[in-house]
Amino acid sequence: MRILIVKVSSLGDIIHTLPAVTDAARARKDVVFDWVVEENFVEVPGWHPAVNQVIPVSIRRWRSNYLKSWFNHEVRSFRQRLQAEHYDLVIDAQGLIKSGIISRMSKGLTIGLSNQTAREPLSSLFYNQSYSIPWNGHAVDRVRQLFSRALNYRYNRQLVDYGIDISKISPEPAPAKTGAVLFLHGTTWATKHWPDAYWRTLGEIAADAGYRILLPWGDEQERRRAELIAGGNGRASVLERQTLSGLAQHMLKARGVIAVDTGLGHLAAALGKPALTLYGPTNPDLTGTFGPRQLHLTSNIECAPCMKKNCIYQGPPVFDPSQDESFEVRPPCFAANKPVEVWRQFEQLIGGRAA
């Protein structure tokens, strides 16, 4: 049985789909998956042994210059590759109009979320069959439910297996562990950013505890923030720009990860690394890192989680005298998660200080 998965972005959403692939491969021994994904994330589906072919799509890039992409035949080539295979099922695991269009472009019976439960209700117009999956569950379980209903099997909700074949990431059978901690400071929303000053203080605390801090980055703004966080700390290293596989190798070797709400945090969870994640405006019950040894620190401010890209806080300014008497915590929903307390809880999570 050949199935096409349409889950094009973002990194966290793609990783959330992997346990459903594992469930289906265990329940249906005859199933083979192909997967349509944004070109920036093409490595990730290929880490799962049940995924046969990864078909890259470039919607983000095409949007910036659609006419150029059309005339240089990129769009036509993608469509031809998509239609080269006839699928028994095409599962749109994203529920967006763009993913619905891709599903309809392919050859096969299209499956997706109903108009009452899809992120963009109009996406259901592109499906031959749709399922209502309640909104109040975690994203990982919602995708698992969709796959199980489409393919008619039961799965164990308590057993979550991302199914990643580590040998496809790292050439080493078992990467040697280091005394490093990854700081995943980059994220898309302004409201998800933990204050830079807090990151820098946390780096000093971690260095005093004997750890080496690794700071990855994905664009120039993140690189500048990484350099600011590293400052003059001799135990903090700004990494060279990494592929996802390269960053995964660093994660596999590290003692643990401290992150804001970012797709890379979900990668750490999928690799089974202990990770502490800081949540301000977003709700970890719905889209938090999922798996063992995952610690979520949330806000105690009244308006959180607001799920807003722009802060809606209307109260008085929140100051943190431990930084500076005039230091204002922005966004204020992170005032409950100060560096000293974050590090204390992280040490408990990983089981003690550096050797």
Protein backbone atom coordinates (compact mmCIF):
# COMPACT_ATOMS: atom_id res chain seq x y z
CA MET A 1 0.00 0.00 0.00
CA ARG A 2 1.51 3.30 -1.08
CA ILE A 3 0.62 6.49 0.80
CA LEU A 4 1.57 10.10 0.20
CA ILE A 5 1.92 12.35 3.24
CA VAL A 6 1.47 16.06 2.70
CA LYS A 7 3.02 17.93 5.62
CA VAL A 8 5.13 20.68 4.16
CA SER A 9 6.10 22.82 7.16
CA SER A 10 7.06 23.92 9.72
CA LEU A 11 9.82 21.91 11.41
CA GLY A 12 7.81 21.24 14.57
CA ASP A 13 4.74 20.17 12.58
CA ILE A 14 6.83 17.80 10.47
CA ILE A 15 8.36 16.20 13.55
CA HIS A 16 4.90 15.87 15.13
CA THR A 17 3.94 13.60 12.21
CA LEU A 18 6.72 11.05 12.69
CA PRO A 19 5.05 9.02 15.50
CA ALA A 20 1.99 8.50 13.27
CA VAL A 21 4.27 7.09 10.57
CA THR A 22 5.74 4.68 13.14
CA ASP A 23 2.24 3.61 14.25
CA ALA A 24 1.11 2.97 10.69
CA ALA A 25 4.27 1.05 9.75
CA ARG A 26 3.80 -1.24 12.76
CA ALA A 27 0.10 -1.80 12.15
CA ARG A 28 0.27 -2.21 8.37
CA LYS A 29 3.36 -4.11 7.25
CA ASP A 30 2.57 -3.46 3.58
CA VAL A 31 2.58 0.34 3.85
CA VAL A 32 5.19 2.52 2.12
CA PHE A 33 5.21 6.29 2.49
CA ASP A 34 6.26 9.14 0.25
CA TRP A 35 6.26 12.64 1.75
CA VAL A 36 5.90 16.15 0.32
CA VAL A 37 7.84 18.68 2.40
CA GLU A 38 9.36 22.15 2.07
CA GLU A 39 12.88 22.03 0.63
CA ASN A 40 14.40 23.46 3.85
CA PHE A 41 13.20 20.43 5.83
CA VAL A 42 13.81 17.68 3.30
CA GLU A 43 16.27 15.85 5.58
CA VAL A 44 13.75 15.11 8.33
CA PRO A 45 11.23 12.70 6.71
CA GLY A 46 14.15 10.72 5.28
CA TRP A 47 15.33 9.90 8.80
CA HIS A 48 12.32 7.57 9.19
CA PRO A 49 12.87 4.08 7.68
CA ALA A 50 9.21 3.82 6.55
CA VAL A 51 9.56 6.83 4.25
CA ASN A 52 10.64 5.77 0.78
CA GLN A 53 10.75 9.01 -1.19
CA VAL A 54 10.86 12.64 -0.08
CA ILE A 55 9.42 15.11 -2.59
CA PRO A 56 10.61 18.67 -1.98
CA VAL A 57 8.33 21.64 -2.62
CA SER A 58 9.38 25.29 -2.58
CA ILE A 59 6.20 27.22 -1.75
CA ARG A 60 7.99 29.72 0.48
CA ARG A 61 10.50 30.57 -2.23
CA TRP A 62 7.93 30.51 -5.05
CA ARG A 63 5.78 33.06 -3.23
CA SER A 64 8.58 35.61 -3.41
CA ASN A 65 8.71 35.33 -7.23
CA TYR A 66 5.99 33.07 -8.56
CA LEU A 67 6.28 34.18 -12.19
CA LYS A 68 10.00 33.35 -12.26
CA SER A 69 9.33 29.92 -10.72
CA TRP A 70 6.60 29.26 -13.28
CA PHE A 71 8.63 30.25 -16.30
CA ASN A 72 11.75 28.35 -15.23
CA HIS A 73 9.50 25.26 -14.97
CA GLU A 74 10.04 24.60 -11.23
CA VAL A 75 6.30 24.42 -10.54
CA ARG A 76 5.71 22.18 -13.58
CA SER A 77 8.56 19.86 -12.57
CA PHE A 78 7.16 19.52 -9.06
CA ARG A 79 3.73 18.66 -10.41
CA GLN A 80 5.15 16.06 -12.78
CA ARG A 81 7.11 14.41 -9.99
CA LEU A 82 4.07 14.48 -7.69
CA GLN A 83 1.90 12.80 -10.33
CA ALA A 84 4.45 10.19 -11.36
CA GLU A 85 2.99 7.76 -8.80
CA HIS A 86 -0.61 6.71 -8.18
CA TYR A 87 -1.24 6.52 -4.42
CA ASP A 88 -3.74 4.38 -2.54
CA LEU A 89 -4.18 7.26 -0.09
CA VAL A 90 -3.02 10.86 0.09
CA ILE A 91 -3.08 12.12 3.69
CA ASP A 92 -3.00 15.87 4.22
CA ALA A 93 -1.74 15.99 7.80
CA GLN A 94 -1.55 19.79 7.86
CA GLY A 95 -5.04 21.11 7.17
CA LEU A 96 -4.03 24.24 5.26
CA ILE A 97 -5.25 25.48 1.88
CA LYS A 98 -1.75 25.08 0.41
CA SER A 99 -1.47 21.48 1.61
CA GLY A 100 -5.01 20.79 0.36
CA ILE A 101 -4.08 22.04 -3.11
CA ILE A 102 -1.00 19.79 -3.17
CA SER A 103 -3.16 16.84 -2.09
CA ARG A 104 -5.59 17.47 -4.91
CA MET A 105 -2.76 17.82 -7.46
CA SER A 106 -1.58 14.30 -6.65
CA LYS A 107 -3.11 11.04 -7.89
CA GLY A 108 -5.00 9.19 -5.18
CA LEU A 109 -7.87 9.27 -2.71
CA THR A 110 -7.37 12.39 -0.58
CA ILE A 111 -7.83 12.32 3.19
CA GLY A 112 -7.75 15.20 5.67
CA LEU A 113 -9.32 17.02 8.59
CA SER A 114 -12.93 18.18 8.53
CA ASN A 115 -13.81 21.83 8.06
CA GLN A 116 -14.59 22.04 11.78
CA THR A 117 -11.18 20.78 12.91
CA ALA A 118 -8.73 21.84 10.19
CA ARG A 119 -6.56 24.89 10.82
CA GLU A 120 -7.93 26.43 7.62
CA PRO A 121 -11.49 25.08 7.11
CA LEU A 122 -11.48 25.62 3.32
CA SER A 123 -8.76 22.98 3.01
CA SER A 124 -11.46 20.30 3.46
CA LEU A 125 -12.82 21.18 0.00
CA PHE A 126 -9.86 19.33 -1.51
CA TYR A 127 -10.50 15.99 0.23
CA ASN A 128 -12.49 12.95 -0.85
CA GLN A 129 -12.88 12.00 2.81
CA SER A 130 -12.43 13.99 6.01
CA TYR A 131 -12.29 13.21 9.72
CA SER A 132 -13.13 15.31 12.77
CA ILE A 133 -10.24 15.22 15.24
CA PRO A 134 -10.87 17.27 18.44
CA TRP A 135 -8.82 20.44 18.89
CA ASN A 136 -8.18 19.88 22.59
CA GLY A 137 -5.51 17.18 22.09
CA HIS A 138 -1.80 17.57 21.50
CA ALA A 139 -0.73 17.97 17.87
CA VAL A 140 1.17 14.65 17.96
CA ASP A 141 -1.92 12.72 19.04
CA ARG A 142 -4.19 14.53 16.56
CA VAL A 143 -2.03 13.35 13.66
CA ARG A 144 -1.85 9.85 15.12
CA GLN A 145 -5.66 9.78 15.32
CA LEU A 146 -5.98 10.94 11.71
CA PHE A 147 -3.66 8.21 10.43
CA SER A 148 -5.27 5.48 12.54
CA ARG A 149 -8.76 6.35 11.35
CA ALA A 150 -7.72 6.65 7.71
CA LEU A 151 -5.92 3.28 7.80
CA ASN A 152 -8.24 1.57 10.31
CA TYR A 153 -5.90 0.45 13.08
CA ARG A 154 -5.49 0.99 16.84
CA TYR A 155 -2.40 2.46 18.48
CA ASN A 156 -1.03 2.72 22.00
CA ARG A 157 -1.33 6.36 23.07
CA GLN A 158 1.14 5.82 25.89
CA LEU A 159 3.89 4.65 23.53
CA VAL A 160 5.34 7.51 21.47
CA ASP A 161 8.06 6.53 19.00
CA TYR A 162 9.35 9.06 16.48
CA GLY A 163 11.06 6.20 14.65
CA ILE A 164 14.19 8.14 13.71
CA ASP A 165 17.05 6.00 12.43
CA ILE A 166 20.07 7.62 14.10
CA SER A 167 22.43 6.05 11.57
CA LYS A 168 20.89 8.32 8.92
CA ILE A 169 21.92 11.35 10.98
CA SER A 170 25.29 10.41 12.41
CA PRO A 171 27.99 8.19 10.91
CA GLU A 172 29.07 7.23 14.43
CA PRO A 173 27.20 4.21 15.88
CA ALA A 174 26.89 6.02 19.21
CA PRO A 175 28.08 9.66 19.24
CA ALA A 176 30.41 10.38 22.14
CA LYS A 177 28.72 12.46 24.81
CA THR A 178 30.11 15.87 25.73
CA GLY A 179 29.52 18.23 28.61
CA ALA A 180 27.69 20.64 26.33
CA VAL A 181 24.29 22.29 26.63
CA LEU A 182 22.55 23.68 23.56
CA PHE A 183 20.78 27.02 23.89
CA LEU A 184 18.03 27.13 21.26
CA HIS A 185 17.35 30.85 21.36
CA GLY A 186 15.95 31.40 17.85
CA THR A 187 12.22 31.45 17.15
CA THR A 188 9.79 33.08 14.74
CA TRP A 189 7.42 35.17 16.90
CA ALA A 190 8.72 38.22 18.76
CA THR A 191 6.58 37.18 21.74
CA LYS A 192 8.32 33.79 22.03
CA HIS A 193 11.76 35.28 22.65
CA TRP A 194 13.20 34.92 26.14
CA PRO A 195 15.10 38.16 26.93
CA ASP A 196 18.67 38.25 25.60
CA ALA A 197 19.94 39.37 29.01
CA TYR A 198 18.41 36.26 30.58
CA TRP A 199 20.18 34.03 28.04
CA ARG A 200 23.48 35.72 28.80
CA THR A 201 23.03 35.30 32.56
CA LEU A 202 22.04 31.66 32.05
CA GLY A 203 25.20 31.12 30.02
CA GLU A 204 27.33 32.47 32.88
CA ILE A 205 25.55 30.18 35.36
CA ALA A 206 26.03 27.16 33.09
CA ALA A 207 29.73 27.96 32.59
CA ASP A 208 30.22 28.29 36.36
CA ALA A 209 28.66 24.83 36.70
CA GLY A 210 31.25 23.40 34.32
CA TYR A 211 29.27 23.18 31.08
CA ARG A 212 30.15 24.27 27.59
CA ILE A 213 27.38 26.26 25.87
CA LEU A 214 26.64 25.75 22.17
CA LEU A 215 24.74 28.46 20.31
CA PRO A 216 23.30 27.57 16.89
CA TRP A 217 21.74 30.08 14.52
CA GLY A 218 19.77 30.11 11.28
CA ASP A 219 19.97 33.68 9.95
CA GLU A 220 21.98 36.84 10.52
CA GLN A 221 19.70 38.15 13.25
CA GLU A 222 20.04 34.88 15.17
CA ARG A 223 23.81 34.87 14.62
CA ARG A 224 24.08 38.35 16.16
CA ARG A 225 21.97 37.23 19.12
CA ALA A 226 24.17 34.16 19.56
CA GLU A 227 27.28 36.36 19.64
CA LEU A 228 25.60 38.68 22.16
CA ILE A 229 24.70 35.74 24.40
CA ALA A 230 28.22 34.31 24.17
CA GLY A 231 29.77 37.70 25.00
CA GLY A 232 33.11 37.16 26.69
CA ASN A 233 32.14 33.76 28.09
CA GLY A 234 35.05 31.48 27.29
CA ARG A 235 32.86 28.37 27.57
CA ALA A 236 30.23 29.57 25.06
CA SER A 237 30.68 28.76 21.38
CA VAL A 238 28.74 30.17 18.46
CA LEU A 239 28.46 27.26 16.03
CA GLU A 240 29.03 27.45 12.31
CA ARG A 241 25.80 27.42 10.37
CA GLN A 242 24.46 23.86 10.55
CA THR A 243 22.30 21.58 8.46
CA LEU A 244 19.52 19.91 10.41
CA SER A 245 21.54 16.69 10.44
CA GLY A 246 24.58 18.54 11.73
CA LEU A 247 22.59 20.16 14.49
CA ALA A 248 21.02 16.82 15.36
CA GLN A 249 24.51 15.39 15.81
CA HIS A 250 25.34 18.16 18.30
CA MET A 251 22.11 17.38 20.16
CA LEU A 252 22.89 13.67 20.33
CA LYS A 253 26.25 14.42 21.97
CA ALA A 254 24.99 17.08 24.40
CA ARG A 255 23.86 16.61 27.98
CA GLY A 256 20.67 18.51 27.27
CA VAL A 257 18.87 21.41 25.65
CA ILE A 258 17.34 24.66 26.88
CA ALA A 259 14.96 26.22 24.35
CA VAL A 260 12.23 28.66 23.65
CA ASP A 261 9.19 27.50 21.67
CA THR A 262 10.96 26.58 18.42
CA GLY A 263 10.98 23.74 15.93
CA LEU A 264 14.47 22.71 17.02
CA GLY A 265 13.10 22.01 20.49
CA HIS A 266 10.82 19.38 18.93
CA LEU A 267 13.85 17.89 17.20
CA ALA A 268 15.52 17.48 20.61
CA ALA A 269 12.41 15.71 21.92
CA ALA A 270 12.31 13.40 18.89
CA LEU A 271 15.94 12.45 19.55
CA GLY A 272 15.14 11.67 23.18
CA LYS A 273 17.28 14.46 24.65
CA PRO A 274 16.34 16.04 27.98
CA ALA A 275 15.05 19.50 27.17
CA LEU A 276 13.69 22.39 29.19
CA THR A 277 11.46 24.63 27.07
CA LEU A 278 10.26 28.12 27.97
CA TYR A 279 6.67 28.96 27.02
CA GLY A 280 5.22 32.46 27.20
CA PRO A 281 2.39 33.16 24.74
CA THR A 282 1.95 29.56 23.53
CA ASN A 283 0.33 26.50 25.10
CA PRO A 284 2.54 23.40 25.53
CA ASP A 285 -0.53 21.24 26.15
CA LEU A 286 -1.39 21.65 22.46
CA THR A 287 1.97 22.02 20.70
CA GLY A 288 4.69 21.55 23.32
CA THR A 289 7.69 19.26 23.03
CA PHE A 290 6.37 15.70 23.34
CA GLY A 291 8.11 12.73 24.86
CA PRO A 292 10.15 11.61 27.89
CA ARG A 293 12.43 14.01 29.80
CA GLN A 294 10.64 17.12 28.52
CA LEU A 295 10.12 19.94 31.01
CA HIS A 296 7.84 22.88 30.16
CA LEU A 297 8.10 26.14 32.08
CA THR A 298 5.04 28.33 31.54
CA SER A 299 3.97 31.81 32.53
CA ASN A 300 1.86 32.81 35.52
CA ILE A 301 0.74 36.09 33.97
CA GLU A 302 -3.02 36.44 33.52
CA CYS A 303 -3.10 36.89 29.74
CA ALA A 304 -0.88 33.86 28.97
CA PRO A 305 -1.09 31.81 26.87
CA CYS A 306 -2.51 34.41 24.50
CA MET A 307 -1.36 32.70 21.25
CA LYS A 308 -0.48 36.13 19.83
CA LYS A 309 2.52 37.15 17.73
CA ASN A 310 2.27 40.67 19.18
CA CYS A 311 2.09 41.19 22.95
CA ILE A 312 -1.37 42.15 24.28
CA TYR A 313 -0.31 42.72 27.90
CA GLN A 314 -2.04 45.79 29.38
CA GLY A 315 -0.70 45.76 32.95
CA PRO A 316 2.09 47.77 34.56
CA PRO A 317 5.71 47.18 33.44
CA VAL A 318 7.41 44.16 35.00
CA PHE A 319 10.93 44.81 36.29
CA ASP A 320 13.61 42.35 37.38
CA PRO A 321 16.02 43.90 39.90
CA SER A 322 18.23 40.79 39.78
CA GLN A 323 19.38 42.01 36.36
CA ASP A 324 19.20 45.71 36.94
CA GLU A 325 16.77 47.96 38.81
CA SER A 326 15.60 49.40 35.50
CA PHE A 327 15.54 46.11 33.58
CA GLU A 328 12.05 45.57 32.18
CA VAL A 329 11.10 42.01 31.22
CA ARG A 330 9.74 41.95 27.69
CA PRO A 331 7.57 40.12 26.93
CA PRO A 332 6.36 40.16 30.56
CA CYS A 333 5.04 36.59 30.38
CA PHE A 334 8.65 35.40 30.85
CA ALA A 335 9.09 37.21 34.17
CA ALA A 336 8.23 33.99 36.04
CA ASN A 337 11.11 32.13 34.38
CA LYS A 338 14.30 33.80 35.59
CA PRO A 339 17.75 32.34 34.78
CA VAL A 340 18.60 31.06 38.27
CA GLU A 341 15.33 29.12 38.53
CA VAL A 342 15.60 27.86 34.94
CA TRP A 343 19.06 26.46 35.61
CA ARG A 344 18.00 24.88 38.91
CA GLN A 345 15.20 23.01 37.17
CA PHE A 346 17.42 22.06 34.25
CA GLU A 347 20.00 20.50 36.57
CA GLN A 348 17.25 18.45 38.18
CA LEU A 349 16.10 17.34 34.72
CA ILE A 350 19.54 16.12 33.59
CA GLY A 351 20.44 14.70 36.98
CA GLY A 352 23.12 16.94 38.43
CA ARG A 353 26.13 19.10 37.70
CA ALA A 354 28.84 18.57 35.09
CA ALA A 355 31.45 15.96 35.77
